[in-house]
Amino acid sequence: GARGILTAALPAFERVLLEAAHEQTGGRKRDAAGLLGWGRNTLTRKLAELP
């Protein structure tokens, strides 16, 4: 169902968001996290979880 599609697509979508935020902030994690509305620790965790 739709939930399965979202679960499958979410990692790819987050990767795009993370890459865009990283590029826009010149790699500054604190700024990238703020741009995404996340804390710096959340950003770091999500980066570590990427395949």
N, C-alpha and C. Protein backbone atom coordinates (compact mmCIF):
# COMPACT_ATOMS: atom_id res chain seq x y z
N GLY A 1 0.79 -1.19 0.00
CA GLY A 1 0.00 0.00 0.00
C GLY A 1 0.84 1.26 0.00
N ALA A 2 0.19 2.36 0.22
CA ALA A 2 0.86 3.66 0.20
C ALA A 2 1.93 3.76 1.27
N ARG A 3 1.69 3.17 2.42
CA ARG A 3 2.68 3.24 3.51
C ARG A 3 3.97 2.52 3.10
N GLY A 4 3.85 1.42 2.41
CA GLY A 4 5.03 0.70 1.94
C GLY A 4 5.84 1.52 0.95
N ILE A 5 5.15 2.26 0.11
CA ILE A 5 5.83 3.12 -0.86
C ILE A 5 6.60 4.22 -0.13
N LEU A 6 5.95 4.83 0.86
CA LEU A 6 6.61 5.89 1.62
C LEU A 6 7.83 5.36 2.36
N THR A 7 7.69 4.21 2.97
CA THR A 7 8.80 3.60 3.70
C THR A 7 9.97 3.33 2.76
N ALA A 8 9.68 2.90 1.56
CA ALA A 8 10.73 2.61 0.59
C ALA A 8 11.36 3.89 0.04
N ALA A 9 10.57 4.94 -0.13
CA ALA A 9 11.06 6.16 -0.75
C ALA A 9 11.74 7.11 0.23
N LEU A 10 11.42 7.01 1.51
CA LEU A 10 11.92 7.97 2.49
C LEU A 10 13.45 8.07 2.54
N PRO A 11 14.19 6.97 2.57
CA PRO A 11 15.66 7.11 2.62
C PRO A 11 16.23 7.87 1.42
N ALA A 12 15.70 7.62 0.24
CA ALA A 12 16.18 8.32 -0.95
C ALA A 12 15.84 9.80 -0.87
N PHE A 13 14.65 10.11 -0.39
CA PHE A 13 14.22 11.50 -0.24
C PHE A 13 15.09 12.22 0.78
N GLU A 14 15.36 11.56 1.91
CA GLU A 14 16.20 12.18 2.93
C GLU A 14 17.61 12.40 2.40
N ARG A 15 18.11 11.48 1.59
CA ARG A 15 19.45 11.65 1.02
C ARG A 15 19.50 12.92 0.17
N VAL A 16 18.47 13.14 -0.65
CA VAL A 16 18.42 14.34 -1.49
C VAL A 16 18.39 15.59 -0.61
N LEU A 17 17.56 15.56 0.44
CA LEU A 17 17.49 16.71 1.35
C LEU A 17 18.84 16.96 2.03
N LEU A 18 19.47 15.91 2.50
CA LEU A 18 20.75 16.05 3.18
C LEU A 18 21.82 16.60 2.24
N GLU A 19 21.85 16.10 1.03
CA GLU A 19 22.85 16.57 0.07
C GLU A 19 22.61 18.04 -0.28
N ALA A 20 21.35 18.42 -0.46
CA ALA A 20 21.03 19.82 -0.78
C ALA A 20 21.39 20.74 0.37
N ALA A 21 21.06 20.34 1.58
CA ALA A 21 21.38 21.17 2.75
C ALA A 21 22.89 21.28 2.93
N HIS A 22 23.59 20.19 2.72
CA HIS A 22 25.05 20.19 2.83
C HIS A 22 25.67 21.15 1.82
N GLU A 23 25.16 21.10 0.61
CA GLU A 23 25.68 21.97 -0.45
C GLU A 23 25.37 23.44 -0.16
N GLN A 24 24.15 23.72 0.27
CA GLN A 24 23.74 25.11 0.51
C GLN A 24 24.47 25.74 1.69
N THR A 25 24.92 24.92 2.62
CA THR A 25 25.57 25.46 3.82
C THR A 25 27.08 25.30 3.79
N GLY A 26 27.61 24.85 2.69
CA GLY A 26 29.06 24.67 2.60
C GLY A 26 29.57 23.59 3.53
N GLY A 27 28.71 22.63 3.86
CA GLY A 27 29.12 21.51 4.70
C GLY A 27 29.04 21.77 6.19
N ARG A 28 28.50 22.89 6.60
CA ARG A 28 28.38 23.20 8.03
C ARG A 28 27.17 22.46 8.60
N LYS A 29 27.45 21.47 9.44
CA LYS A 29 26.40 20.60 9.96
C LYS A 29 25.35 21.37 10.75
N ARG A 30 25.77 22.28 11.59
CA ARG A 30 24.80 23.03 12.41
C ARG A 30 23.85 23.81 11.51
N ASP A 31 24.39 24.46 10.49
CA ASP A 31 23.56 25.24 9.57
C ASP A 31 22.66 24.33 8.74
N ALA A 32 23.20 23.20 8.30
CA ALA A 32 22.40 22.25 7.51
C ALA A 32 21.26 21.70 8.35
N ALA A 33 21.54 21.37 9.60
CA ALA A 33 20.50 20.86 10.49
C ALA A 33 19.41 21.91 10.68
N GLY A 34 19.81 23.16 10.89
CA GLY A 34 18.83 24.23 11.06
C GLY A 34 17.98 24.42 9.82
N LEU A 35 18.60 24.31 8.67
CA LEU A 35 17.87 24.45 7.41
C LEU A 35 16.80 23.38 7.27
N LEU A 36 17.10 22.20 7.78
CA LEU A 36 16.16 21.08 7.70
C LEU A 36 15.18 21.03 8.87
N GLY A 37 15.40 21.88 9.87
CA GLY A 37 14.53 21.86 11.04
C GLY A 37 14.86 20.73 12.00
N TRP A 38 16.09 20.23 11.93
CA TRP A 38 16.55 19.15 12.79
C TRP A 38 17.61 19.68 13.73
N GLY A 39 17.89 18.92 14.78
CA GLY A 39 19.04 19.20 15.62
C GLY A 39 20.29 18.66 14.95
N ARG A 40 21.45 19.15 15.38
CA ARG A 40 22.71 18.69 14.79
C ARG A 40 22.92 17.20 15.01
N ASN A 41 22.53 16.70 16.19
CA ASN A 41 22.69 15.27 16.46
C ASN A 41 21.82 14.43 15.55
N THR A 42 20.62 14.90 15.25
CA THR A 42 19.74 14.18 14.33
C THR A 42 20.36 14.13 12.94
N LEU A 43 20.90 15.26 12.51
CA LEU A 43 21.55 15.30 11.20
C LEU A 43 22.71 14.31 11.16
N THR A 44 23.53 14.31 12.20
CA THR A 44 24.68 13.41 12.25
C THR A 44 24.23 11.95 12.21
N ARG A 45 23.16 11.63 12.95
CA ARG A 45 22.64 10.26 12.96
C ARG A 45 22.13 9.86 11.59
N LYS A 46 21.38 10.75 10.96
CA LYS A 46 20.82 10.43 9.64
C LYS A 46 21.93 10.26 8.61
N LEU A 47 22.98 11.06 8.71
CA LEU A 47 24.12 10.90 7.80
C LEU A 47 24.77 9.53 8.00
N ALA A 48 24.90 9.12 9.25
CA ALA A 48 25.52 7.82 9.55
C ALA A 48 24.65 6.66 9.08
N GLU A 49 23.34 6.86 9.03
CA GLU A 49 22.42 5.80 8.62
C GLU A 49 22.33 5.63 7.11
N LEU A 50 22.85 6.60 6.36
CA LEU A 50 22.77 6.49 4.90
C LEU A 50 23.57 5.30 4.42
N PRO A 51 23.03 4.60 3.43
CA PRO A 51 23.76 3.45 2.88
C PRO A 51 25.01 3.87 2.12
